[in-house]
Amino acid sequence: MSDPAPPTVDSWPPNWCYVAGMPTVAGDYRQRAEDFQVEEQFDFTPEGQGEHLWLWLEKRGSTTPDLARLLARAVDIPVRDVGFSGLKDRDAVTRQWFSLALPGREPPPGWKAGLAERHVECLEAVRHPRKLKRGVHRANRFRLRIQGEAIASSATRERWDRLVADGVPNYFGPQRFGPAGRNLHRARQLLARGWRKRQDPQGLLLSTARSYLFNAVLSARVADGSWCVPQPGDVLNLDGTASRFACETIDQQLLARAQAGDLHPTGPLWGKGRLESLADVAGRETAIATGFAELADGLIQAGVRQDRRPLRLRLADASWEAADDAVWLSFSLPRGAFATSVLRELFQHPSLI
């Protein structure tokens, strides 16, 4: 089956292109919270002393901000004194660290009772000198239970093996755009009249607009096969790091490093300032943004600065494990990546755009 036509901002779902064409078989996932498990991975551990109490929590049925508010009430501190690194799914079993600013005191007696009522378990509590900041975890480890027609199809396993070997397009997942793309619709309305922080205090709608433009660039490069192959003028990202550099010319060494997964082309997170990309790559990115001028111009007027994001994801420590009438997929992704971007390449499901 061929890929659908390029998306337009007025259509939903947007039909981003697939690496090997749209999957032809259907699958099921997340039929219950236990089917979708996520665990944060860090490059450090709490020190065991300090003004902040760090909690390793397992939750289900709650969003990360909801749990932060619950913790603040439980220990009687302002919610701003609760720290966490990443936002985790509500309908899943997730494990992540939170920090509570409790200098010179312990939590009040019985503070865990309210957690248990909300299906939250404290697995570990340890002190650390500093508050947990956003975006400091290295990766997320996923364990996902897949059922349905897809797991009986050899094509699904072939797709999986290819993704493990070659990587996955680093699309922003459907969670970013909201049900039926409602966040994108809200972003368009807000940017059209001029973005104001009081109307988007967490910057969610700005992120939605940038994510859509990034996905549009990535989809175009998936369509012509250049999403994982460096082009003259590309900005290349060193795998597993924030390091990147622009290349006016591409030699065999760079191509070999990209094929080995050491380097990845990047795409723009749109905003004000000069594009880091050069030559035809910059021209193509500008042309795509111009096609969605209401988003691109609105982001510039809002003062968001240009940034970059890798076009490709690598699946770390990936495994496929058959279990009765299901398959368990396990893999790690860098922070900011979406497991749904992996699943959409494997099978059809209404929630996987």
Protein backbone atom coordinates (compact mmCIF):
# COMPACT_ATOMS: atom_id res chain seq x y z
CA MET A 1 0.00 0.00 0.00
CA SER A 2 1.38 3.42 -0.90
CA ASP A 3 1.72 6.30 1.52
CA PRO A 4 -1.16 8.78 1.69
CA ALA A 5 -0.99 12.30 0.28
CA PRO A 6 1.00 14.90 2.23
CA PRO A 7 -0.94 16.42 5.15
CA THR A 8 -2.64 19.77 5.20
CA VAL A 9 -3.23 21.74 8.35
CA ASP A 10 -6.99 21.60 7.79
CA SER A 11 -7.14 17.79 7.68
CA TRP A 12 -7.02 15.27 10.50
CA PRO A 13 -5.47 12.79 10.85
CA PRO A 14 -2.42 14.22 9.06
CA ASN A 15 -1.22 10.90 7.56
CA TRP A 16 2.53 11.25 8.03
CA CYS A 17 4.49 8.98 5.70
CA TYR A 18 5.70 5.53 6.76
CA VAL A 19 9.13 3.99 6.26
CA ALA A 20 7.79 0.85 4.54
CA GLY A 21 4.35 2.08 3.53
CA MET A 22 1.25 2.04 5.66
CA PRO A 23 0.86 -1.24 7.60
CA THR A 24 -1.88 -3.47 6.25
CA VAL A 25 -2.74 -5.37 9.45
CA ALA A 26 -4.42 -4.17 12.63
CA GLY A 27 -3.18 -4.55 16.17
CA ASP A 28 -4.26 -3.75 19.71
CA TYR A 29 -2.28 -2.21 22.53
CA ARG A 30 -2.96 -0.57 25.88
CA GLN A 31 -6.18 -2.50 26.50
CA ARG A 32 -5.36 -2.04 30.19
CA ALA A 33 -2.80 0.04 32.04
CA GLU A 34 -0.49 -2.94 32.62
CA ASP A 35 -0.10 -3.36 28.85
CA PHE A 36 1.83 -0.07 28.57
CA GLN A 37 4.75 0.21 30.99
CA VAL A 38 7.23 3.08 31.10
CA GLU A 39 10.23 3.61 33.36
CA GLU A 40 12.52 6.64 33.43
CA GLN A 41 16.26 6.03 33.08
CA PHE A 42 18.85 8.36 34.63
CA ASP A 43 22.62 8.65 34.47
CA PHE A 44 22.82 9.35 38.21
CA THR A 45 21.25 8.35 41.53
CA PRO A 46 20.25 10.50 44.52
CA GLU A 47 23.10 11.07 46.98
CA GLY A 48 21.30 10.04 50.18
CA GLN A 49 21.43 13.44 51.90
CA GLY A 50 20.10 16.94 51.26
CA GLU A 51 17.09 19.23 51.51
CA HIS A 52 14.97 17.41 48.92
CA LEU A 53 13.25 14.06 49.39
CA TRP A 54 13.29 12.12 46.13
CA LEU A 55 10.54 9.53 45.61
CA TRP A 56 10.63 6.67 43.10
CA LEU A 57 6.92 6.22 42.38
CA GLU A 58 4.86 3.77 40.38
CA LYS A 59 1.57 5.24 39.21
CA ARG A 60 -1.42 4.34 37.08
CA GLY A 61 -4.52 6.33 36.20
CA SER A 62 -2.96 9.74 36.93
CA THR A 63 -1.06 12.30 34.90
CA THR A 64 2.32 13.50 36.15
CA PRO A 65 1.03 17.04 36.99
CA ASP A 66 -1.93 15.51 38.86
CA LEU A 67 0.46 13.44 40.96
CA ALA A 68 2.65 16.48 41.63
CA ARG A 69 -0.38 18.31 43.04
CA LEU A 70 -1.32 15.27 45.13
CA LEU A 71 2.19 15.10 46.59
CA ALA A 72 2.19 18.80 47.40
CA ARG A 73 -1.04 18.41 49.37
CA ALA A 74 0.19 15.27 51.10
CA VAL A 75 3.29 16.94 52.57
CA ASP A 76 1.91 20.51 52.76
CA ILE A 77 4.26 22.31 50.37
CA PRO A 78 3.56 24.53 47.32
CA VAL A 79 3.30 22.57 44.09
CA ARG A 80 6.22 24.62 42.75
CA ASP A 81 8.41 22.81 45.31
CA VAL A 82 7.62 19.46 43.71
CA GLY A 83 10.03 18.43 40.95
CA PHE A 84 9.83 15.86 38.17
CA SER A 85 11.74 15.26 34.95
CA GLY A 86 9.23 14.03 32.37
CA LEU A 87 5.51 13.83 31.69
CA LYS A 88 4.22 10.27 31.71
CA ASP A 89 1.06 8.72 30.29
CA ARG A 90 -2.06 8.49 32.43
CA ASP A 91 -3.37 5.17 31.06
CA ALA A 92 -0.20 3.21 31.78
CA VAL A 93 1.95 1.83 34.57
CA THR A 94 4.81 4.31 34.87
CA ARG A 95 7.78 4.68 37.18
CA GLN A 96 9.48 8.03 37.67
CA TRP A 97 11.24 10.17 40.25
CA PHE A 98 9.64 13.13 42.02
CA SER A 99 11.37 15.49 44.45
CA LEU A 100 9.85 17.29 47.45
CA ALA A 101 11.48 20.33 49.04
CA LEU A 102 11.55 19.32 52.74
CA PRO A 103 14.57 21.06 54.32
CA GLY A 104 15.06 19.99 57.92
CA ARG A 105 11.88 17.94 58.21
CA GLU A 106 10.26 14.66 57.26
CA PRO A 107 6.87 14.16 55.61
CA PRO A 108 3.93 14.22 58.06
CA PRO A 109 2.65 10.88 59.45
CA GLY A 110 0.30 9.05 57.12
CA TRP A 111 1.29 11.07 54.06
CA LYS A 112 1.31 7.95 51.85
CA ALA A 113 -2.34 7.09 52.53
CA GLY A 114 -3.64 9.42 49.84
CA LEU A 115 -1.16 7.99 47.34
CA ALA A 116 -2.44 4.44 47.77
CA GLU A 117 -6.01 5.62 47.18
CA ARG A 118 -4.89 6.98 43.79
CA HIS A 119 -3.05 3.78 42.80
CA VAL A 120 0.39 5.25 43.50
CA GLU A 121 3.09 3.21 45.23
CA CYS A 122 6.27 4.64 46.71
CA LEU A 123 9.05 2.20 45.80
CA GLU A 124 11.95 4.21 47.23
CA ALA A 125 12.55 7.44 49.15
CA VAL A 126 16.02 9.00 49.38
CA ARG A 127 17.45 12.45 50.04
CA HIS A 128 19.28 14.65 47.50
CA PRO A 129 20.70 18.21 47.69
CA ARG A 130 18.83 19.53 44.63
CA LYS A 131 15.35 19.69 43.19
CA LEU A 132 14.62 17.39 40.27
CA LYS A 133 14.54 19.51 37.11
CA ARG A 134 12.57 18.96 33.92
CA GLY A 135 14.24 16.99 31.16
CA VAL A 136 17.19 15.55 33.06
CA HIS A 137 16.40 11.87 32.58
CA ARG A 138 18.37 10.20 29.80
CA ALA A 139 15.76 7.88 28.34
CA ASN A 140 12.53 5.99 28.90
CA ARG A 141 12.29 2.21 28.97
CA PHE A 142 9.08 0.83 27.41
CA ARG A 143 7.48 -2.59 27.77
CA LEU A 144 4.35 -2.89 25.62
CA ARG A 145 1.88 -5.74 25.17
CA ILE A 146 0.63 -6.13 21.59
CA GLN A 147 -2.34 -8.27 20.47
CA GLY A 148 -4.49 -8.73 17.42
CA GLU A 149 -3.97 -9.68 13.79
CA ALA A 150 -0.60 -7.96 13.64
CA ILE A 151 1.25 -10.43 15.85
CA ALA A 152 0.24 -13.35 13.63
CA SER A 153 1.63 -11.66 10.53
CA SER A 154 5.22 -12.30 9.49
CA ALA A 155 5.23 -8.81 7.97
CA THR A 156 4.96 -7.29 11.46
CA ARG A 157 8.04 -9.12 12.69
CA GLU A 158 9.90 -8.13 9.51
CA ARG A 159 8.97 -4.50 10.11
CA TRP A 160 10.14 -4.77 13.72
CA ASP A 161 13.49 -6.23 12.73
CA ARG A 162 13.96 -3.43 10.20
CA LEU A 163 13.16 -0.75 12.78
CA VAL A 164 15.62 -2.26 15.23
CA ALA A 165 18.32 -2.33 12.55
CA ASP A 166 17.68 1.00 10.82
CA GLY A 167 15.85 3.18 13.34
CA VAL A 168 12.44 4.88 13.43
CA PRO A 169 11.22 8.26 12.17
CA ASN A 170 11.22 10.53 15.24
CA TYR A 171 7.67 11.82 14.83
CA PHE A 172 5.95 13.64 17.64
CA GLY A 173 3.17 11.27 18.67
CA PRO A 174 -0.60 11.82 18.64
CA GLN A 175 -0.54 12.70 22.36
CA ARG A 176 1.06 16.02 21.44
CA PHE A 177 -1.87 17.04 19.23
CA GLY A 178 -4.74 15.96 21.47
CA PRO A 179 -7.86 13.95 20.56
CA ALA A 180 -8.82 14.58 16.91
CA GLY A 181 -6.07 17.23 16.73
CA ARG A 182 -7.80 19.61 19.12
CA ASN A 183 -4.53 21.01 20.49
CA LEU A 184 -3.49 21.93 16.95
CA HIS A 185 -6.82 23.67 16.37
CA ARG A 186 -6.37 25.64 19.61
CA ALA A 187 -2.79 26.50 18.65
CA ARG A 188 -3.90 27.86 15.28
CA GLN A 189 -6.53 30.04 16.92
CA LEU A 190 -4.15 31.39 19.55
CA LEU A 191 -1.29 32.09 17.15
CA ALA A 192 -3.68 33.84 14.72
CA ARG A 193 -4.64 36.41 17.34
CA GLY A 194 -1.19 36.62 18.92
CA TRP A 195 0.24 34.23 21.50
CA ARG A 196 0.03 35.31 25.14
CA LYS A 197 1.58 33.36 28.00
CA ARG A 198 -1.49 33.74 30.19
CA GLN A 199 -3.47 31.82 27.57
CA ASP A 200 -0.84 29.09 27.25
CA PRO A 201 1.09 29.17 30.54
CA GLN A 202 2.93 25.87 30.01
CA GLY A 203 3.65 26.52 26.33
CA LEU A 204 1.69 23.43 25.27
CA LEU A 205 0.17 25.09 22.22
CA LEU A 206 3.52 26.48 21.09
CA SER A 207 4.94 22.96 21.36
CA THR A 208 2.00 21.62 19.38
CA ALA A 209 2.59 24.03 16.51
CA ARG A 210 6.35 23.33 16.43
CA SER A 211 5.70 19.59 16.56
CA TYR A 212 3.36 19.77 13.58
CA LEU A 213 5.89 21.66 11.46
CA PHE A 214 8.66 19.24 12.46
CA ASN A 215 6.49 16.25 11.54
CA ALA A 216 5.71 17.83 8.16
CA VAL A 217 9.44 18.16 7.38
CA LEU A 218 10.13 14.63 8.60
CA SER A 219 7.25 13.19 6.58
CA ALA A 220 8.62 14.78 3.40
CA ARG A 221 12.03 13.24 4.05
CA VAL A 222 10.58 9.84 4.85
CA ALA A 223 8.74 10.04 1.53
CA ASP A 224 11.99 10.42 -0.45
CA GLY A 225 14.11 8.21 1.82
CA SER A 226 16.44 10.97 3.06
CA TRP A 227 15.26 10.96 6.69
CA CYS A 228 18.24 8.85 7.75
CA VAL A 229 20.68 9.74 4.95
CA PRO A 230 22.66 13.01 5.35
CA GLN A 231 22.18 15.59 2.61
CA PRO A 232 24.39 18.60 1.74
CA GLY A 233 23.34 21.37 4.11
CA ASP A 234 22.05 19.04 6.82
CA VAL A 235 22.58 19.64 10.51
CA LEU A 236 23.73 16.31 11.93
CA ASN A 237 23.20 15.09 15.47
CA LEU A 238 25.65 12.80 17.26
CA ASP A 239 23.65 9.84 18.55
CA GLY A 240 22.82 9.97 22.25
CA THR A 241 24.06 13.54 22.73
CA ALA A 242 22.96 17.14 22.22
CA SER A 243 25.93 17.77 19.89
CA ARG A 244 25.20 18.77 16.32
CA PHE A 245 26.99 20.36 13.39
CA ALA A 246 26.10 21.62 9.92
CA CYS A 247 27.69 20.06 6.82
CA GLU A 248 27.85 21.83 3.47
CA THR A 249 29.14 18.67 1.81
CA ILE A 250 28.63 14.99 2.62
CA ASP A 251 31.46 12.51 2.22
CA GLN A 252 31.58 8.73 2.45
CA GLN A 253 32.73 8.82 6.07
CA LEU A 254 29.64 10.77 7.15
CA LEU A 255 27.39 8.46 5.16
CA ALA A 256 28.99 5.44 6.79
CA ARG A 257 28.58 6.92 10.26
CA ALA A 258 24.90 7.64 9.55
CA GLN A 259 24.36 4.11 8.25
CA ALA A 260 25.91 2.78 11.47
CA GLY A 261 23.52 4.91 13.54
CA ASP A 262 26.22 7.21 14.91
CA LEU A 263 24.83 10.33 13.20
CA HIS A 264 21.29 11.47 12.40
CA PRO A 265 19.96 14.28 10.19
CA THR A 266 17.87 16.81 12.11
CA GLY A 267 14.78 18.86 11.37
CA PRO A 268 13.71 22.31 12.58
CA LEU A 269 11.75 23.15 15.69
CA TRP A 270 10.45 26.36 14.21
CA GLY A 271 10.91 29.82 15.69
CA LYS A 272 12.68 33.12 15.24
CA GLY A 273 16.31 33.32 14.18
CA ARG A 274 18.32 31.86 11.34
CA LEU A 275 17.95 28.24 10.33
CA GLU A 276 21.03 26.17 11.16
CA SER A 277 20.61 24.12 8.00
CA LEU A 278 22.13 25.24 4.71
CA ALA A 279 21.63 25.10 0.95
CA ASP A 280 18.80 22.96 -0.42
CA VAL A 281 17.97 21.51 3.01
CA ALA A 282 17.29 25.00 4.38
CA GLY A 283 15.30 25.89 1.28
CA ARG A 284 13.14 22.80 1.62
CA GLU A 285 12.50 23.40 5.32
CA THR A 286 11.57 27.02 4.63
CA ALA A 287 9.22 26.01 1.82
CA ILE A 288 7.40 23.53 4.06
CA ALA A 289 7.07 26.10 6.85
CA THR A 290 5.76 28.64 4.35
CA GLY A 291 3.03 26.16 3.46
CA PHE A 292 1.88 26.40 7.09
CA ALA A 293 2.50 30.15 7.42
CA GLU A 294 -0.07 30.70 10.17
CA LEU A 295 1.89 28.35 12.42
CA ALA A 296 5.40 29.39 11.37
CA ASP A 297 4.73 33.14 11.53
CA GLY A 298 2.85 32.79 14.80
CA LEU A 299 5.79 30.99 16.40
CA ILE A 300 8.18 33.71 15.25
CA GLN A 301 5.91 36.43 16.64
CA ALA A 302 5.66 34.51 19.92
CA GLY A 303 9.44 34.78 20.27
CA VAL A 304 10.24 31.05 20.26
CA ARG A 305 13.81 30.46 19.13
CA GLN A 306 14.87 28.04 16.39
CA ASP A 307 16.06 24.64 17.57
CA ARG A 308 16.65 21.21 16.05
CA ARG A 309 15.52 17.62 16.68
CA PRO A 310 16.90 14.36 15.24
CA LEU A 311 14.84 12.90 12.41
CA ARG A 312 15.69 9.35 13.48
CA LEU A 313 15.32 7.31 16.67
CA ARG A 314 17.41 4.30 17.63
CA LEU A 315 15.76 1.52 19.64
CA ALA A 316 18.12 0.57 22.46
CA ASP A 317 18.07 -2.91 24.04
CA ALA A 318 15.12 -3.92 21.86
CA SER A 319 13.41 -7.30 22.23
CA TRP A 320 10.38 -9.19 20.88
CA GLU A 321 8.94 -11.76 23.29
CA ALA A 322 6.01 -13.99 22.37
CA ALA A 323 3.59 -14.77 25.22
CA ASP A 324 0.42 -16.81 24.58
CA ASP A 325 -1.87 -14.63 22.44
CA ALA A 326 0.34 -11.54 22.66
CA VAL A 327 3.82 -10.17 22.05
CA TRP A 328 5.78 -8.03 24.50
CA LEU A 329 7.93 -5.36 22.85
CA SER A 330 10.68 -3.83 24.99
CA PHE A 331 12.97 -0.96 24.04
CA SER A 332 14.45 2.30 25.32
CA LEU A 333 14.03 5.69 23.63
CA PRO A 334 15.71 9.00 24.39
CA ARG A 335 13.62 11.49 26.35
CA GLY A 336 11.16 13.40 24.22
CA ALA A 337 10.59 10.42 21.91
CA PHE A 338 7.24 8.67 21.53
CA ALA A 339 6.65 4.92 21.69
CA THR A 340 3.57 5.46 19.51
CA SER A 341 5.92 6.53 16.69
CA VAL A 342 7.35 3.01 16.84
CA LEU A 343 3.98 1.26 17.00
CA ARG A 344 2.50 3.16 14.02
CA GLU A 345 5.18 1.62 11.79
CA LEU A 346 4.12 -1.89 12.87
CA PHE A 347 0.32 -2.03 12.66
CA GLN A 348 -2.88 -0.07 12.16
CA HIS A 349 -4.76 1.32 15.12
CA PRO A 350 -7.18 4.28 15.29
CA SER A 351 -5.00 6.10 17.83
CA LEU A 352 -1.79 5.80 15.79
CA ILE A 353 -1.75 8.66 13.28
